[in-house]
Amino acid sequence: MALLGYGLFVVVLGVPDGGIGVLWPSMRHSLDRPLADLGLLVFVGAACYVATSAVTGWVVTRFGVSRTVLLAVAVSTLAFAGWSVASLWGLVLLLVGLLGLARGWIDSGINAYTAHVGTVGQMGVLHAMYGLGATLAPLLVTAALVLGVGWRPVIGLFALLSGCLLVGAVRIRRAWSPLVVDAGNANDELQPLAPARVAVPASLVVFFCYTAVEVATGAWAFVLLTDGRGLDRGVAGVAVASYWAALTGGRLLLGWRGDRVAAPLILRASWAVALGGLLLLWVAPTPLAPFGLPIEGLGLAAIFPVLVALTPARVGPDRAPKAIGLSIAAAALGGPALTALAGAVASAYGVEAIAVVLVAAGGALAASEIALARVAPVPSA
């Protein structure tokens, strides 16, 4: 239950990822920006995300997860509040970058903490909190658009949500257990089956490919379904929300049954289902194509939490916090890289080409996970 409480801070990670794709059409018109600038917006946030994620493993082992998360949630609250009233594109980019810094601290810190003290199932519940934020965000944005409220009050609501989490962070700041690993005794419990110099780079590739697929789908699915397939905005918004809802539901299922199924089997089944959903989104006729989104979301659900949970077994618990920080940094690069690429391809060849980019990325995810399983295997049970 304690980890579930800590996982509420991860909600703030899912809100921008789930909402930005639905928010962007209105936001870009308000700020007079071209369609492809979504890639720049995501890239700025991710670059700052990477900057903090890469060093968070070092930070949390010295200053504690509590202080790290408390500072990060405070920064995210300020960033959302400023974003809700900013009218200059440069200021928006600055605030999104500040939000990226905060999100990197939260993501890496809490993932390292949970991998250290939790299980695969608990990791699934933790990441379901991300899915909760990502599911609520497109629903809120869609409702605001339908009601004609505009995008700024929605960002203000996100600031309020982050402020509530800040109050919670202050109240439980003394409840976190110290994140301390004795490197000398670490291999008594977990002996990595592959050298860290092999396991870490291979893991980074999979994390990169995973978030490339997850984030780019969330960012461009609304545009693909409306501008590319001609769907009503309300229907498309619900379809995007169903993607994040399936992601959340799959992670809750992982929390319920994840400790009873071999982790390698979960990974193989997951990317296969996700790839099937992407293919449906690409080739199915318009009435059926949106159903590919929840299928893809369900398939993607377990991949990230299982990969994080297996990191101590792959690199050793003494190296796990830093390896997880680097993995989160690699993951933070994948999303904006594919989002920007999809935007460039859409500008050059039309919105429908986004589906082709997503399917290719899904294939790369499958290939990279198979390669990781070969060079850095873990026990099947």
Protein backbone atom coordinates (compact mmCIF):
# COMPACT_ATOMS: atom_id res chain seq x y z
CA MET A 1 0.00 0.00 0.00
CA ALA A 2 2.89 2.36 0.69
CA LEU A 3 4.19 1.93 -2.84
CA LEU A 4 0.71 2.64 -4.20
CA GLY A 5 0.73 5.93 -2.30
CA TYR A 6 4.15 6.83 -3.66
CA GLY A 7 2.95 5.87 -7.12
CA LEU A 8 0.41 8.69 -7.07
CA PHE A 9 3.31 11.03 -7.85
CA VAL A 10 3.70 9.20 -11.17
CA VAL A 11 0.28 10.54 -12.21
CA VAL A 12 1.98 13.83 -13.06
CA LEU A 13 4.17 11.97 -15.58
CA GLY A 14 1.23 10.67 -17.58
CA VAL A 15 -0.73 13.92 -17.82
CA PRO A 16 1.44 15.66 -20.47
CA ASP A 17 1.98 12.50 -22.52
CA GLY A 18 -1.72 11.68 -22.60
CA GLY A 19 -2.98 15.20 -23.16
CA ILE A 20 -0.52 16.86 -25.52
CA GLY A 21 -1.67 15.14 -28.71
CA VAL A 22 -5.31 16.12 -28.16
CA LEU A 23 -4.31 19.55 -26.87
CA TRP A 24 -1.96 20.42 -29.72
CA PRO A 25 -4.41 21.31 -32.54
CA SER A 26 -6.06 23.99 -30.40
CA MET A 27 -2.85 25.10 -28.80
CA ARG A 28 -0.99 25.53 -32.08
CA HIS A 29 -3.77 27.66 -33.55
CA SER A 30 -3.80 29.82 -30.44
CA LEU A 31 -0.03 30.33 -30.60
CA ASP A 32 0.08 30.40 -34.44
CA ARG A 33 2.49 27.46 -34.78
CA PRO A 34 2.82 24.87 -37.60
CA LEU A 35 1.68 21.28 -37.09
CA ALA A 36 5.23 19.88 -36.96
CA ASP A 37 6.14 22.06 -33.94
CA LEU A 38 4.61 19.39 -31.74
CA GLY A 39 7.85 17.49 -32.28
CA LEU A 40 9.88 20.48 -31.07
CA LEU A 41 7.69 20.87 -27.99
CA VAL A 42 8.06 17.22 -27.06
CA PHE A 43 11.79 17.28 -27.82
CA VAL A 44 12.48 20.23 -25.49
CA GLY A 45 10.64 18.56 -22.64
CA ALA A 46 12.41 15.29 -23.28
CA ALA A 47 15.88 16.83 -23.50
CA CYS A 48 15.45 18.25 -20.00
CA TYR A 49 13.89 14.95 -18.90
CA VAL A 50 17.03 13.17 -20.07
CA ALA A 51 19.32 15.64 -18.28
CA THR A 52 17.86 14.83 -14.88
CA SER A 53 17.09 11.13 -15.50
CA ALA A 54 20.71 10.33 -16.34
CA VAL A 55 21.94 11.58 -12.95
CA THR A 56 18.96 10.71 -10.75
CA GLY A 57 20.44 7.34 -9.75
CA TRP A 58 23.39 9.22 -8.29
CA VAL A 59 21.19 11.88 -6.68
CA VAL A 60 18.70 9.58 -4.93
CA THR A 61 21.42 7.38 -3.41
CA ARG A 62 22.97 10.47 -1.79
CA PHE A 63 20.05 12.76 -1.00
CA GLY A 64 17.16 10.31 -0.78
CA VAL A 65 14.07 9.74 -2.86
CA SER A 66 11.91 11.90 -0.59
CA ARG A 67 13.83 15.13 -1.15
CA THR A 68 14.21 14.42 -4.85
CA VAL A 69 10.47 13.84 -5.38
CA LEU A 70 9.44 16.78 -3.20
CA LEU A 71 11.56 19.21 -5.20
CA ALA A 72 10.43 17.72 -8.51
CA VAL A 73 6.71 17.98 -7.73
CA ALA A 74 7.18 21.61 -6.63
CA VAL A 75 8.90 22.42 -9.93
CA SER A 76 6.21 20.64 -11.96
CA THR A 77 3.48 22.65 -10.22
CA LEU A 78 5.20 25.94 -11.10
CA ALA A 79 5.78 24.79 -14.69
CA PHE A 80 2.13 23.83 -15.27
CA ALA A 81 0.91 27.08 -13.71
CA GLY A 82 3.18 29.17 -15.93
CA TRP A 83 2.26 27.17 -19.05
CA SER A 84 -1.44 27.81 -18.46
CA VAL A 85 -0.97 31.59 -18.92
CA ALA A 86 2.02 31.78 -21.28
CA SER A 87 1.35 33.44 -24.63
CA LEU A 88 4.85 33.45 -26.12
CA TRP A 89 6.09 30.30 -27.87
CA GLY A 90 9.58 30.69 -26.40
CA LEU A 91 8.16 30.91 -22.88
CA VAL A 92 6.02 27.84 -23.48
CA LEU A 93 9.12 25.90 -24.55
CA LEU A 94 10.99 27.10 -21.45
CA LEU A 95 8.19 25.99 -19.12
CA VAL A 96 7.81 22.63 -20.86
CA GLY A 97 11.57 22.16 -20.44
CA LEU A 98 11.23 22.94 -16.72
CA LEU A 99 8.43 20.40 -16.51
CA GLY A 100 10.71 17.89 -18.24
CA LEU A 101 13.38 18.41 -15.57
CA ALA A 102 10.86 17.67 -12.84
CA ARG A 103 9.41 14.64 -14.58
CA GLY A 104 12.87 13.12 -15.04
CA TRP A 105 13.51 13.32 -11.30
CA ILE A 106 10.16 11.78 -10.43
CA ASP A 107 10.32 8.99 -13.00
CA SER A 108 13.86 7.80 -12.32
CA GLY A 109 13.67 8.27 -8.56
CA ILE A 110 10.46 6.34 -7.97
CA ASN A 111 11.35 3.61 -10.48
CA ALA A 112 14.72 3.05 -8.81
CA TYR A 113 13.04 2.97 -5.41
CA THR A 114 10.38 0.46 -6.48
CA ALA A 115 12.86 -1.79 -8.28
CA HIS A 116 14.91 -1.83 -5.06
CA VAL A 117 12.11 -2.62 -2.58
CA GLY A 118 9.21 -3.91 -4.70
CA THR A 119 8.15 -6.73 -7.04
CA VAL A 120 7.08 -7.02 -10.68
CA GLY A 121 3.45 -6.77 -9.59
CA GLN A 122 4.08 -3.66 -7.54
CA MET A 123 5.97 -2.15 -10.45
CA GLY A 124 2.88 -2.77 -12.58
CA VAL A 125 0.67 -0.90 -10.11
CA LEU A 126 3.18 1.95 -9.99
CA HIS A 127 3.09 2.34 -13.76
CA ALA A 128 -0.69 2.10 -13.75
CA MET A 129 -0.59 5.46 -11.97
CA TYR A 130 1.15 6.86 -15.05
CA GLY A 131 -1.61 5.41 -17.17
CA LEU A 132 -4.23 6.98 -14.92
CA GLY A 133 -2.81 10.44 -15.60
CA ALA A 134 -2.46 9.68 -19.31
CA THR A 135 -6.07 8.44 -19.50
CA LEU A 136 -7.64 11.36 -17.66
CA ALA A 137 -5.72 13.97 -19.65
CA PRO A 138 -7.25 13.38 -23.13
CA LEU A 139 -10.71 13.05 -21.61
CA LEU A 140 -10.35 16.41 -19.86
CA VAL A 141 -8.94 18.06 -22.97
CA THR A 142 -11.66 16.59 -25.21
CA ALA A 143 -14.37 17.75 -22.80
CA ALA A 144 -12.85 21.23 -22.74
CA LEU A 145 -12.77 21.36 -26.55
CA VAL A 146 -16.34 20.16 -26.91
CA LEU A 147 -17.53 22.71 -24.34
CA GLY A 148 -15.48 25.47 -25.94
CA VAL A 149 -13.50 26.16 -22.76
CA GLY A 150 -10.12 26.17 -24.47
CA TRP A 151 -6.82 24.57 -23.62
CA ARG A 152 -5.51 27.00 -20.95
CA PRO A 153 -7.97 26.05 -18.18
CA VAL A 154 -7.03 22.41 -18.74
CA ILE A 155 -3.36 23.17 -18.15
CA GLY A 156 -4.42 25.15 -15.07
CA LEU A 157 -6.25 22.06 -13.84
CA PHE A 158 -3.08 20.04 -14.34
CA ALA A 159 -1.27 22.62 -12.18
CA LEU A 160 -3.89 22.15 -9.47
CA LEU A 161 -3.44 18.37 -9.62
CA SER A 162 0.31 18.75 -9.28
CA GLY A 163 -0.21 21.15 -6.36
CA CYS A 164 -2.30 18.53 -4.55
CA LEU A 165 0.51 16.01 -5.06
CA LEU A 166 2.96 18.56 -3.66
CA VAL A 167 0.94 18.74 -0.45
CA GLY A 168 1.04 14.94 -0.31
CA ALA A 169 4.80 14.90 -0.86
CA VAL A 170 5.28 17.22 2.10
CA ARG A 171 3.07 15.09 4.33
CA ILE A 172 4.84 11.77 3.63
CA ARG A 173 8.38 13.09 3.24
CA ARG A 174 9.61 11.04 6.23
CA ALA A 175 7.94 7.78 5.17
CA TRP A 176 10.40 6.78 2.43
CA SER A 177 12.87 4.02 3.25
CA PRO A 178 16.54 4.82 2.57
CA LEU A 179 17.71 3.65 -0.87
CA VAL A 180 20.93 1.98 0.21
CA VAL A 181 22.62 -0.96 -1.50
CA ASP A 182 25.77 -2.60 -0.21
CA ALA A 183 27.78 -3.27 -3.35
CA GLY A 184 29.92 -5.76 -1.51
CA ASN A 185 26.98 -7.98 -0.64
CA ALA A 186 24.73 -7.27 -3.58
CA ASN A 187 25.62 -10.43 -5.47
CA ASP A 188 24.53 -12.57 -2.53
CA GLU A 189 20.92 -12.04 -3.59
CA LEU A 190 21.11 -11.33 -7.30
CA GLN A 191 23.97 -12.32 -9.53
CA PRO A 192 23.64 -10.73 -12.97
CA LEU A 193 23.62 -13.33 -15.74
CA ALA A 194 25.39 -11.03 -18.20
CA PRO A 195 28.10 -8.36 -17.79
CA ALA A 196 26.73 -4.88 -17.18
CA ARG A 197 28.68 -3.60 -20.19
CA VAL A 198 26.47 -5.86 -22.35
CA ALA A 199 23.19 -5.71 -20.45
CA VAL A 200 23.01 -1.94 -20.00
CA PRO A 201 23.47 -0.87 -23.66
CA ALA A 202 21.05 -3.56 -24.86
CA SER A 203 18.50 -2.43 -22.28
CA LEU A 204 18.86 1.20 -23.33
CA VAL A 205 17.90 0.30 -26.91
CA VAL A 206 14.72 -1.46 -25.77
CA PHE A 207 13.73 1.42 -23.49
CA PHE A 208 14.32 3.85 -26.35
CA CYS A 209 12.17 1.83 -28.76
CA TYR A 210 9.42 1.29 -26.21
CA THR A 211 8.77 4.92 -25.39
CA ALA A 212 9.19 5.84 -29.04
CA VAL A 213 6.12 3.73 -29.79
CA GLU A 214 4.14 4.67 -26.69
CA VAL A 215 4.66 8.44 -26.77
CA ALA A 216 4.44 8.90 -30.54
CA THR A 217 1.17 6.97 -30.63
CA GLY A 218 -0.28 9.13 -27.87
CA ALA A 219 0.94 12.31 -29.55
CA TRP A 220 -0.20 11.63 -33.12
CA ALA A 221 -3.18 9.26 -32.85
CA PHE A 222 -5.69 12.12 -32.52
CA VAL A 223 -4.32 13.89 -35.60
CA LEU A 224 -4.20 10.60 -37.53
CA LEU A 225 -7.82 9.78 -36.74
CA THR A 226 -9.20 13.28 -37.36
CA ASP A 227 -7.12 14.81 -40.16
CA GLY A 228 -6.17 11.47 -41.70
CA ARG A 229 -9.32 9.37 -41.24
CA GLY A 230 -11.97 12.07 -40.91
CA LEU A 231 -13.28 11.01 -37.49
CA ASP A 232 -15.20 13.41 -35.27
CA ARG A 233 -13.01 15.09 -32.64
CA GLY A 234 -15.07 13.71 -29.77
CA VAL A 235 -14.83 10.15 -31.10
CA ALA A 236 -11.10 10.50 -31.74
CA GLY A 237 -10.53 11.91 -28.26
CA VAL A 238 -12.31 8.94 -26.70
CA ALA A 239 -10.24 6.57 -28.87
CA VAL A 240 -7.01 8.17 -27.63
CA ALA A 241 -8.29 7.93 -24.05
CA SER A 242 -9.04 4.23 -24.64
CA TYR A 243 -5.39 3.74 -25.60
CA TRP A 244 -4.22 5.11 -22.27
CA ALA A 245 -7.03 3.36 -20.39
CA ALA A 246 -5.96 -0.01 -21.83
CA LEU A 247 -2.37 0.80 -20.88
CA THR A 248 -3.54 1.48 -17.33
CA GLY A 249 -5.75 -1.59 -17.17
CA GLY A 250 -2.95 -3.81 -18.42
CA ARG A 251 -0.65 -2.51 -15.71
CA LEU A 252 -3.26 -3.11 -13.03
CA LEU A 253 -3.56 -6.66 -14.39
CA LEU A 254 0.23 -6.94 -14.12
CA GLY A 255 -0.03 -5.80 -10.51
CA TRP A 256 -2.64 -8.48 -9.84
CA ARG A 257 -1.06 -11.45 -11.66
CA GLY A 258 2.38 -10.30 -12.74
CA ASP A 259 4.26 -12.13 -9.98
CA ARG A 260 2.73 -15.46 -11.09
CA VAL A 261 3.86 -15.40 -14.73
CA ALA A 262 7.44 -15.60 -16.01
CA ALA A 263 8.66 -12.12 -16.89
CA PRO A 264 10.23 -13.13 -20.25
CA LEU A 265 6.90 -14.62 -21.33
CA ILE A 266 5.09 -11.41 -20.36
CA LEU A 267 7.48 -9.39 -22.51
CA ARG A 268 7.12 -11.61 -25.59
CA ALA A 269 3.32 -11.65 -25.40
CA SER A 270 3.24 -7.90 -24.80
CA TRP A 271 5.12 -6.73 -27.86
CA ALA A 272 3.24 -9.22 -30.05
CA VAL A 273 -0.15 -7.81 -28.96
CA ALA A 274 1.11 -4.22 -29.31
CA LEU A 275 2.33 -4.88 -32.85
CA GLY A 276 -1.04 -6.41 -33.72
CA GLY A 277 -2.82 -3.27 -32.51
CA LEU A 278 -0.52 -1.05 -34.57
CA LEU A 279 -1.17 -3.10 -37.70
CA LEU A 280 -4.94 -2.78 -37.12
CA LEU A 281 -4.58 0.99 -36.74
CA TRP A 282 -2.68 1.12 -40.03
CA VAL A 283 -4.55 -1.22 -42.39
CA ALA A 284 -8.10 -1.45 -41.00
CA PRO A 285 -10.90 0.67 -42.51
CA THR A 286 -11.82 3.84 -40.60
CA PRO A 287 -14.63 2.38 -38.43
CA LEU A 288 -12.30 -0.37 -37.15
CA ALA A 289 -8.95 1.42 -37.04
CA PRO A 290 -9.54 3.16 -33.67
CA PHE A 291 -9.88 -0.26 -32.02
CA GLY A 292 -6.19 -0.79 -32.71
CA LEU A 293 -5.38 1.84 -30.09
CA PRO A 294 -6.67 -0.02 -26.99
CA ILE A 295 -5.17 -3.26 -28.31
CA GLU A 296 -1.82 -1.55 -28.69
CA GLY A 297 -2.16 0.04 -25.25
CA LEU A 298 -2.90 -3.31 -23.64
CA GLY A 299 0.13 -4.83 -25.35
CA LEU A 300 2.46 -2.03 -24.29
CA ALA A 301 1.21 -2.00 -20.70
CA ALA A 302 3.62 -4.47 -19.10
CA ILE A 303 6.78 -3.80 -21.09
CA PHE A 304 8.18 -0.78 -19.28
CA PRO A 305 7.49 -1.92 -15.68
CA VAL A 306 8.78 -5.43 -16.35
CA LEU A 307 11.96 -4.09 -17.96
CA VAL A 308 12.59 -1.88 -14.93
CA ALA A 309 11.84 -4.68 -12.47
CA LEU A 310 14.32 -7.00 -14.26
CA THR A 311 17.14 -4.45 -14.22
CA PRO A 312 18.62 -5.56 -10.85
CA ALA A 313 18.76 -9.15 -12.15
CA ARG A 314 20.45 -8.03 -15.36
CA VAL A 315 23.06 -5.62 -13.99
CA GLY A 316 23.20 -6.41 -10.27
CA PRO A 317 21.41 -4.50 -7.49
CA ASP A 318 24.45 -2.33 -6.77
CA ARG A 319 24.38 -0.93 -10.31
CA ALA A 320 20.59 -0.90 -10.67
CA PRO A 321 19.81 2.70 -9.54
CA LYS A 322 22.26 4.22 -12.01
CA ALA A 323 21.28 1.79 -14.76
CA ILE A 324 17.61 2.61 -14.25
CA GLY A 325 18.41 6.33 -14.41
CA LEU A 326 20.20 5.81 -17.73
CA SER A 327 17.32 3.65 -18.97
CA ILE A 328 14.79 6.35 -18.14
CA ALA A 329 17.02 8.84 -19.98
CA ALA A 330 17.11 6.58 -23.05
CA ALA A 331 13.35 6.17 -22.81
CA ALA A 332 12.92 9.93 -22.64
CA LEU A 333 14.81 10.26 -25.93
CA GLY A 334 12.75 7.65 -27.77
CA GLY A 335 9.40 9.42 -27.45
CA PRO A 336 10.40 12.81 -28.87
CA ALA A 337 12.64 11.26 -31.51
CA LEU A 338 9.80 9.27 -33.07
CA THR A 339 7.28 12.05 -32.45
CA ALA A 340 9.47 14.48 -34.36
CA LEU A 341 10.14 11.93 -37.11
CA ALA A 342 6.44 11.18 -37.50
CA GLY A 343 5.72 14.91 -37.72
CA ALA A 344 8.33 15.39 -40.42
CA VAL A 345 7.04 12.39 -42.37
CA ALA A 346 3.45 13.64 -42.04
CA SER A 347 4.46 17.07 -43.35
CA ALA A 348 6.24 15.50 -46.33
CA TYR A 349 3.92 12.61 -47.23
CA GLY A 350 0.62 13.29 -45.49
CA VAL A 351 -0.89 12.46 -42.11
CA GLU A 352 -1.66 8.86 -43.10
CA ALA A 353 2.09 8.13 -43.19
CA ILE A 354 2.16 8.41 -39.38
CA ALA A 355 0.67 4.91 -39.13
CA VAL A 356 3.53 3.48 -41.21
CA VAL A 357 6.10 5.11 -38.93
CA LEU A 358 4.39 3.67 -35.83
CA VAL A 359 4.28 0.14 -37.26
CA ALA A 360 7.98 0.30 -38.18
CA ALA A 361 8.79 1.43 -34.64
CA GLY A 362 6.72 -1.44 -33.23
CA GLY A 363 8.80 -3.87 -35.27
CA ALA A 364 12.00 -2.29 -33.93
CA LEU A 365 10.70 -2.72 -30.38
CA ALA A 366 10.05 -6.42 -30.95
CA ALA A 367 13.48 -6.96 -32.51
CA SER A 368 15.31 -5.11 -29.73
CA GLU A 369 13.54 -7.03 -26.97
CA ILE A 370 14.41 -10.35 -28.62
CA ALA A 371 18.05 -9.24 -28.84
CA LEU A 372 18.08 -8.17 -25.17
CA ALA A 373 16.68 -11.53 -24.09
CA ARG A 374 19.51 -13.28 -25.92
CA VAL A 375 22.44 -11.19 -24.67
CA ALA A 376 21.16 -10.58 -21.13
CA PRO A 377 18.75 -13.40 -20.19
CA VAL A 378 16.97 -13.63 -16.85
CA PRO A 379 15.45 -16.66 -15.11
CA SER A 380 12.05 -17.63 -16.50
CA ALA A 381 10.54 -18.07 -13.05
